[in-house]
Amino acid sequence: MPVPDYQSLMLPLLRFAREKKDETSTGEAVEALAKELNLTEADLKEMLPSGIQSTFKK
Protein backbone atom coordinates (compact mmCIF):
# COMPACT_ATOMS: atom_id res chain seq x y z
CA MET A 1 0.00 0.00 0.00
CA PRO A 2 1.52 3.33 -0.95
CA VAL A 3 1.70 6.07 1.65
CA PRO A 4 -1.72 7.77 1.81
CA ASP A 5 -2.07 11.50 1.23
CA TYR A 6 -2.27 14.00 4.07
CA GLN A 7 -6.06 14.00 4.31
CA SER A 8 -6.22 10.21 4.44
CA LEU A 9 -3.74 10.16 7.33
CA MET A 10 -5.70 12.59 9.47
CA LEU A 11 -8.52 10.29 10.64
CA PRO A 12 -6.19 7.50 11.84
CA LEU A 13 -4.00 10.14 13.52
CA LEU A 14 -6.97 11.70 15.29
CA ARG A 15 -8.16 8.26 16.43
CA PHE A 16 -4.68 7.56 17.81
CA ALA A 17 -4.69 10.88 19.69
CA ARG A 18 -8.14 10.19 21.13
CA GLU A 19 -7.13 6.74 22.35
CA LYS A 20 -3.82 7.95 23.76
CA LYS A 21 -5.42 10.65 25.97
CA ASP A 22 -1.96 11.86 26.98
CA GLU A 23 1.04 13.56 25.49
CA THR A 24 2.95 11.53 22.96
CA SER A 25 6.00 11.96 20.82
CA THR A 26 5.81 12.47 17.08
CA GLY A 27 7.83 9.30 16.66
CA GLU A 28 5.29 7.27 18.60
CA ALA A 29 2.44 8.66 16.48
CA VAL A 30 4.36 7.92 13.28
CA GLU A 31 5.05 4.35 14.41
CA ALA A 32 1.37 3.83 15.25
CA LEU A 33 0.24 5.21 11.87
CA ALA A 34 2.72 3.07 9.95
CA LYS A 35 1.52 -0.02 11.80
CA GLU A 36 -2.19 0.78 11.39
CA LEU A 37 -1.76 1.47 7.68
CA ASN A 38 0.31 -1.71 7.21
CA LEU A 39 3.10 0.20 5.48
CA THR A 40 6.02 -1.90 4.29
CA GLU A 41 9.68 -0.92 4.50
CA ALA A 42 9.49 -0.07 0.79
CA ASP A 43 6.53 2.23 1.46
CA LEU A 44 8.43 3.95 4.27
CA LYS A 45 11.45 4.51 2.00
CA GLU A 46 9.41 6.03 -0.85
CA MET A 47 10.86 9.44 -1.69
CA LEU A 48 9.24 12.73 -2.62
CA PRO A 49 9.86 13.87 -6.22
CA SER A 50 12.72 16.06 -4.93
CA GLY A 51 14.52 12.90 -3.79
CA ILE A 52 15.60 14.65 -0.58
CA GLN A 53 12.97 13.42 1.89
CA SER A 54 10.79 10.34 2.25
CA THR A 55 7.03 10.68 1.84
CA PHE A 56 6.48 9.20 5.29
CA LYS A 57 8.87 10.65 7.81
CA LYS A 58 9.95 8.01 10.26
PDB file of N, CA and C in Angstrom:
ATOM      1  N   MET A   1       0.848  -1.180   0.000  1.00  0.00           N
ATOM      2  CA  MET A   1       0.000   0.000   0.000  1.00  0.00           C
ATOM      3  C   MET A   1       0.884   1.231   0.000  1.00  0.00           C
ATOM      4  N   PRO A   2       0.707   2.104  -0.961  1.00  0.00           N
ATOM      5  CA  PRO A   2       1.516   3.327  -0.947  1.00  0.00           C
ATOM      6  C   PRO A   2       1.106   4.228   0.221  1.00  0.00           C
ATOM      7  N   VAL A   3       1.976   5.129   0.565  1.00  0.00           N
ATOM      8  CA  VAL A   3       1.700   6.066   1.652  1.00  0.00           C
ATOM      9  C   VAL A   3       0.499   6.920   1.260  1.00  0.00           C
ATOM     10  N   PRO A   4      -0.539   6.964   2.115  1.00  0.00           N
ATOM     11  CA  PRO A   4      -1.719   7.774   1.809  1.00  0.00           C
ATOM     12  C   PRO A   4      -1.389   9.263   1.822  1.00  0.00           C
ATOM     13  N   ASP A   5      -2.269  10.045   1.217  1.00  0.00           N
ATOM     14  CA  ASP A   5      -2.072  11.497   1.225  1.00  0.00           C
ATOM     15  C   ASP A   5      -2.399  12.058   2.615  1.00  0.00           C
ATOM     16  N   TYR A   6      -2.118  13.311   2.784  1.00  0.00           N
ATOM     17  CA  TYR A   6      -2.272  14.000   4.073  1.00  0.00           C
ATOM     18  C   TYR A   6      -3.668  13.829   4.640  1.00  0.00           C
ATOM     19  N   GLN A   7      -4.689  14.073   3.822  1.00  0.00           N
ATOM     20  CA  GLN A   7      -6.058  14.003   4.314  1.00  0.00           C
ATOM     21  C   GLN A   7      -6.435  12.593   4.762  1.00  0.00           C
ATOM     22  N   SER A   8      -5.924  11.596   4.082  1.00  0.00           N
ATOM     23  CA  SER A   8      -6.225  10.208   4.445  1.00  0.00           C
ATOM     24  C   SER A   8      -5.530   9.790   5.734  1.00  0.00           C
ATOM     25  N   LEU A   9      -4.455  10.461   6.088  1.00  0.00           N
ATOM     26  CA  LEU A   9      -3.742  10.155   7.331  1.00  0.00           C
ATOM     27  C   LEU A   9      -4.389  10.783   8.557  1.00  0.00           C
ATOM     28  N   MET A  10      -5.175  11.832   8.349  1.00  0.00           N
ATOM     29  CA  MET A  10      -5.698  12.589   9.473  1.00  0.00           C
ATOM     30  C   MET A  10      -6.639  11.784  10.365  1.00  0.00           C
ATOM     31  N   LEU A  11      -7.580  11.026   9.809  1.00  0.00           N
ATOM     32  CA  LEU A  11      -8.523  10.286  10.640  1.00  0.00           C
ATOM     33  C   LEU A  11      -7.811   9.251  11.513  1.00  0.00           C
ATOM     34  N   PRO A  12      -6.920   8.424  10.956  1.00  0.00           N
ATOM     35  CA  PRO A  12      -6.192   7.499  11.843  1.00  0.00           C
ATOM     36  C   PRO A  12      -5.351   8.227  12.901  1.00  0.00           C
ATOM     37  N   LEU A  13      -4.790   9.373  12.551  1.00  0.00           N
ATOM     38  CA  LEU A  13      -4.002  10.141  13.520  1.00  0.00           C
ATOM     39  C   LEU A  13      -4.887  10.673  14.635  1.00  0.00           C
ATOM     40  N   LEU A  14      -6.049  11.191  14.283  1.00  0.00           N
ATOM     41  CA  LEU A  14      -6.969  11.702  15.294  1.00  0.00           C
ATOM     42  C   LEU A  14      -7.486  10.577  16.192  1.00  0.00           C
ATOM     43  N   ARG A  15      -7.732   9.415  15.623  1.00  0.00           N
ATOM     44  CA  ARG A  15      -8.156   8.263  16.430  1.00  0.00           C
ATOM     45  C   ARG A  15      -7.057   7.881  17.427  1.00  0.00           C
ATOM     46  N   PHE A  16      -5.810   7.877  16.939  1.00  0.00           N
ATOM     47  CA  PHE A  16      -4.676   7.563  17.815  1.00  0.00           C
ATOM     48  C   PHE A  16      -4.614   8.559  18.965  1.00  0.00           C
ATOM     49  N   ALA A  17      -4.758   9.836  18.663  1.00  0.00           N
ATOM     50  CA  ALA A  17      -4.685  10.877  19.692  1.00  0.00           C
ATOM     51  C   ALA A  17      -5.818  10.720  20.703  1.00  0.00           C
ATOM     52  N   ARG A  18      -7.006  10.381  20.231  1.00  0.00           N
ATOM     53  CA  ARG A  18      -8.145  10.192  21.132  1.00  0.00           C
ATOM     54  C   ARG A  18      -7.899   9.009  22.080  1.00  0.00           C
ATOM     55  N   GLU A  19      -7.377   7.920  21.543  1.00  0.00           N
ATOM     56  CA  GLU A  19      -7.134   6.738  22.354  1.00  0.00           C
ATOM     57  C   GLU A  19      -5.979   6.943  23.336  1.00  0.00           C
ATOM     58  N   LYS A  20      -5.001   7.724  22.933  1.00  0.00           N
ATOM     59  CA  LYS A  20      -3.815   7.952  23.765  1.00  0.00           C
ATOM     60  C   LYS A  20      -4.166   8.761  25.010  1.00  0.00           C
ATOM     61  N   LYS A  21      -4.952   9.797  24.865  1.00  0.00           N
ATOM     62  CA  LYS A  21      -5.415  10.653  25.969  1.00  0.00           C
ATOM     63  C   LYS A  21      -4.285  11.240  26.801  1.00  0.00           C
ATOM     64  N   ASP A  22      -3.104  11.317  26.259  1.00  0.00           N
ATOM     65  CA  ASP A  22      -1.965  11.861  26.984  1.00  0.00           C
ATOM     66  C   ASP A  22      -0.965  12.369  25.947  1.00  0.00           C
ATOM     67  N   GLU A  23       0.015  13.101  26.404  1.00  0.00           N
ATOM     68  CA  GLU A  23       1.042  13.563  25.487  1.00  0.00           C
ATOM     69  C   GLU A  23       1.762  12.374  24.872  1.00  0.00           C
ATOM     70  N   THR A  24       2.212  12.572  23.654  1.00  0.00           N
ATOM     71  CA  THR A  24       2.952  11.526  22.961  1.00  0.00           C
ATOM     72  C   THR A  24       3.990  12.171  22.066  1.00  0.00           C
ATOM     73  N   SER A  25       4.983  11.417  21.715  1.00  0.00           N
ATOM     74  CA  SER A  25       6.003  11.957  20.815  1.00  0.00           C
ATOM     75  C   SER A  25       5.543  11.798  19.368  1.00  0.00           C
ATOM     76  N   THR A  26       6.110  12.591  18.513  1.00  0.00           N
ATOM     77  CA  THR A  26       5.810  12.474  17.085  1.00  0.00           C
ATOM     78  C   THR A  26       6.215  11.089  16.598  1.00  0.00           C
ATOM     79  N   GLY A  27       7.350  10.618  17.062  1.00  0.00           N
ATOM     80  CA  GLY A  27       7.830   9.298  16.657  1.00  0.00           C
ATOM     81  C   GLY A  27       6.855   8.191  17.008  1.00  0.00           C
ATOM     82  N   GLU A  28       6.253   8.274  18.193  1.00  0.00           N
ATOM     83  CA  GLU A  28       5.285   7.271  18.605  1.00  0.00           C
ATOM     84  C   GLU A  28       4.044   7.314  17.709  1.00  0.00           C
ATOM     85  N   ALA A  29       3.596   8.514  17.361  1.00  0.00           N
ATOM     86  CA  ALA A  29       2.441   8.660  16.485  1.00  0.00           C
ATOM     87  C   ALA A  29       2.748   8.122  15.087  1.00  0.00           C
ATOM     88  N   VAL A  30       3.943   8.404  14.598  1.00  0.00           N
ATOM     89  CA  VAL A  30       4.356   7.923  13.279  1.00  0.00           C
ATOM     90  C   VAL A  30       4.408   6.404  13.261  1.00  0.00           C
ATOM     91  N   GLU A  31       4.980   5.818  14.304  1.00  0.00           N
ATOM     92  CA  GLU A  31       5.051   4.353  14.407  1.00  0.00           C
ATOM     93  C   GLU A  31       3.651   3.742  14.407  1.00  0.00           C
ATOM     94  N   ALA A  32       2.735   4.342  15.167  1.00  0.00           N
ATOM     95  CA  ALA A  32       1.370   3.830  15.250  1.00  0.00           C
ATOM     96  C   ALA A  32       0.665   3.922  13.897  1.00  0.00           C
ATOM     97  N   LEU A  33       0.860   5.046  13.197  1.00  0.00           N
ATOM     98  CA  LEU A  33       0.240   5.208  11.874  1.00  0.00           C
ATOM     99  C   LEU A  33       0.799   4.195  10.878  1.00  0.00           C
ATOM    100  N   ALA A  34       2.099   4.016  10.879  1.00  0.00           N
ATOM    101  CA  ALA A  34       2.717   3.071   9.947  1.00  0.00           C
ATOM    102  C   ALA A  34       2.184   1.662  10.193  1.00  0.00           C
ATOM    103  N   LYS A  35       2.031   1.308  11.463  1.00  0.00           N
ATOM    104  CA  LYS A  35       1.523  -0.017  11.798  1.00  0.00           C
ATOM    105  C   LYS A  35       0.057  -0.159  11.394  1.00  0.00           C
ATOM    106  N   GLU A  36      -0.764   0.846  11.723  1.00  0.00           N
ATOM    107  CA  GLU A  36      -2.186   0.780  11.393  1.00  0.00           C
ATOM    108  C   GLU A  36      -2.428   0.719   9.888  1.00  0.00           C
ATOM    109  N   LEU A  37      -1.603   1.422   9.136  1.00  0.00           N
ATOM    110  CA  LEU A  37      -1.759   1.469   7.678  1.00  0.00           C
ATOM    111  C   LEU A  37      -1.053   0.311   6.977  1.00  0.00           C
ATOM    112  N   ASN A  38      -0.399  -0.548   7.758  1.00  0.00           N
ATOM    113  CA  ASN A  38       0.314  -1.708   7.213  1.00  0.00           C
ATOM    114  C   ASN A  38       1.328  -1.308   6.147  1.00  0.00           C
ATOM    115  N   LEU A  39       2.091  -0.262   6.430  1.00  0.00           N
ATOM    116  CA  LEU A  39       3.096   0.205   5.484  1.00  0.00           C
ATOM    117  C   LEU A  39       4.322  -0.707   5.539  1.00  0.00           C
ATOM    118  N   THR A  40       4.828  -1.063   4.383  1.00  0.00           N
ATOM    119  CA  THR A  40       6.018  -1.898   4.292  1.00  0.00           C
ATOM    120  C   THR A  40       7.267  -1.026   4.375  1.00  0.00           C
ATOM    121  N   GLU A  41       8.413  -1.661   4.506  1.00  0.00           N
ATOM    122  CA  GLU A  41       9.677  -0.916   4.501  1.00  0.00           C
ATOM    123  C   GLU A  41       9.839  -0.147   3.193  1.00  0.00           C
ATOM    124  N   ALA A  42       9.415  -0.751   2.089  1.00  0.00           N
ATOM    125  CA  ALA A  42       9.494  -0.074   0.791  1.00  0.00           C
ATOM    126  C   ALA A  42       8.610   1.174   0.782  1.00  0.00           C
ATOM    127  N   ASP A  43       7.428   1.072   1.374  1.00  0.00           N
ATOM    128  CA  ASP A  43       6.526   2.228   1.464  1.00  0.00           C
ATOM    129  C   ASP A  43       7.183   3.339   2.275  1.00  0.00           C
ATOM    130  N   LEU A  44       7.812   2.961   3.385  1.00  0.00           N
ATOM    131  CA  LEU A  44       8.426   3.951   4.265  1.00  0.00           C
ATOM    132  C   LEU A  44       9.647   4.618   3.634  1.00  0.00           C
ATOM    133  N   LYS A  45      10.269   3.950   2.665  1.00  0.00           N
ATOM    134  CA  LYS A  45      11.452   4.507   2.000  1.00  0.00           C
ATOM    135  C   LYS A  45      11.111   5.285   0.727  1.00  0.00           C
ATOM    136  N   GLU A  46       9.842   5.300   0.347  1.00  0.00           N
ATOM    137  CA  GLU A  46       9.413   6.027  -0.852  1.00  0.00           C
ATOM    138  C   GLU A  46       9.781   7.500  -0.710  1.00  0.00           C
ATOM    139  N   MET A  47      10.384   8.061  -1.752  1.00  0.00           N
ATOM    140  CA  MET A  47      10.864   9.443  -1.692  1.00  0.00           C
ATOM    141  C   MET A  47       9.914  10.413  -2.391  1.00  0.00           C
ATOM    142  N   LEU A  48       9.952  11.657  -1.937  1.00  0.00           N
ATOM    143  CA  LEU A  48       9.243  12.733  -2.624  1.00  0.00           C
ATOM    144  C   LEU A  48       9.923  12.962  -3.972  1.00  0.00           C
ATOM    145  N   PRO A  49       9.242  13.621  -4.908  1.00  0.00           N
ATOM    146  CA  PRO A  49       9.860  13.867  -6.215  1.00  0.00           C
ATOM    147  C   PRO A  49      11.216  14.576  -6.129  1.00  0.00           C
ATOM    148  N   SER A  50      11.430  15.360  -5.082  1.00  0.00           N
ATOM    149  CA  SER A  50      12.720  16.057  -4.926  1.00  0.00           C
ATOM    150  C   SER A  50      13.854  15.067  -4.662  1.00  0.00           C
ATOM    151  N   GLY A  51      13.515  13.888  -4.122  1.00  0.00           N
ATOM    152  CA  GLY A  51      14.522  12.904  -3.788  1.00  0.00           C
ATOM    153  C   GLY A  51      15.296  13.203  -2.527  1.00  0.00           C
ATOM    154  N   ILE A  52      14.884  14.228  -1.785  1.00  0.00           N
ATOM    155  CA  ILE A  52      15.596  14.647  -0.583  1.00  0.00           C
ATOM    156  C   ILE A  52      14.977  14.061   0.687  1.00  0.00           C
ATOM    157  N   GLN A  53      13.669  13.856   0.682  1.00  0.00           N
ATOM    158  CA  GLN A  53      12.974  13.415   1.886  1.00  0.00           C
ATOM    159  C   GLN A  53      11.982  12.313   1.533  1.00  0.00           C
ATOM    160  N   SER A  54      11.775  11.395   2.475  1.00  0.00           N
ATOM    161  CA  SER A  54      10.791  10.344   2.247  1.00  0.00           C
ATOM    162  C   SER A  54       9.375  10.902   2.394  1.00  0.00           C
ATOM    163  N   THR A  55       8.411  10.219   1.770  1.00  0.00           N
ATOM    164  CA  THR A  55       7.033  10.684   1.836  1.00  0.00           C
ATOM    165  C   THR A  55       6.427  10.465   3.204  1.00  0.00           C
ATOM    166  N   PHE A  56       6.966   9.502   3.949  1.00  0.00           N
ATOM    167  CA  PHE A  56       6.479   9.205   5.290  1.00  0.00           C
ATOM    168  C   PHE A  56       7.654   9.306   6.233  1.00  0.00           C
ATOM    169  N   LYS A  57       7.731  10.393   6.938  1.00  0.00           N
ATOM    170  CA  LYS A  57       8.874  10.652   7.814  1.00  0.00           C
ATOM    171  C   LYS A  57       8.850   9.723   9.013  1.00  0.00           C
ATOM    172  N   LYS A  58       9.883   8.944   9.151  1.00  0.00           N
ATOM    173  CA  LYS A  58       9.947   8.005  10.262  1.00  0.00           C
ATOM    174  C   LYS A  58      11.202   8.190  11.041  1.00  0.00           C
TER     175      LYS A  58
END
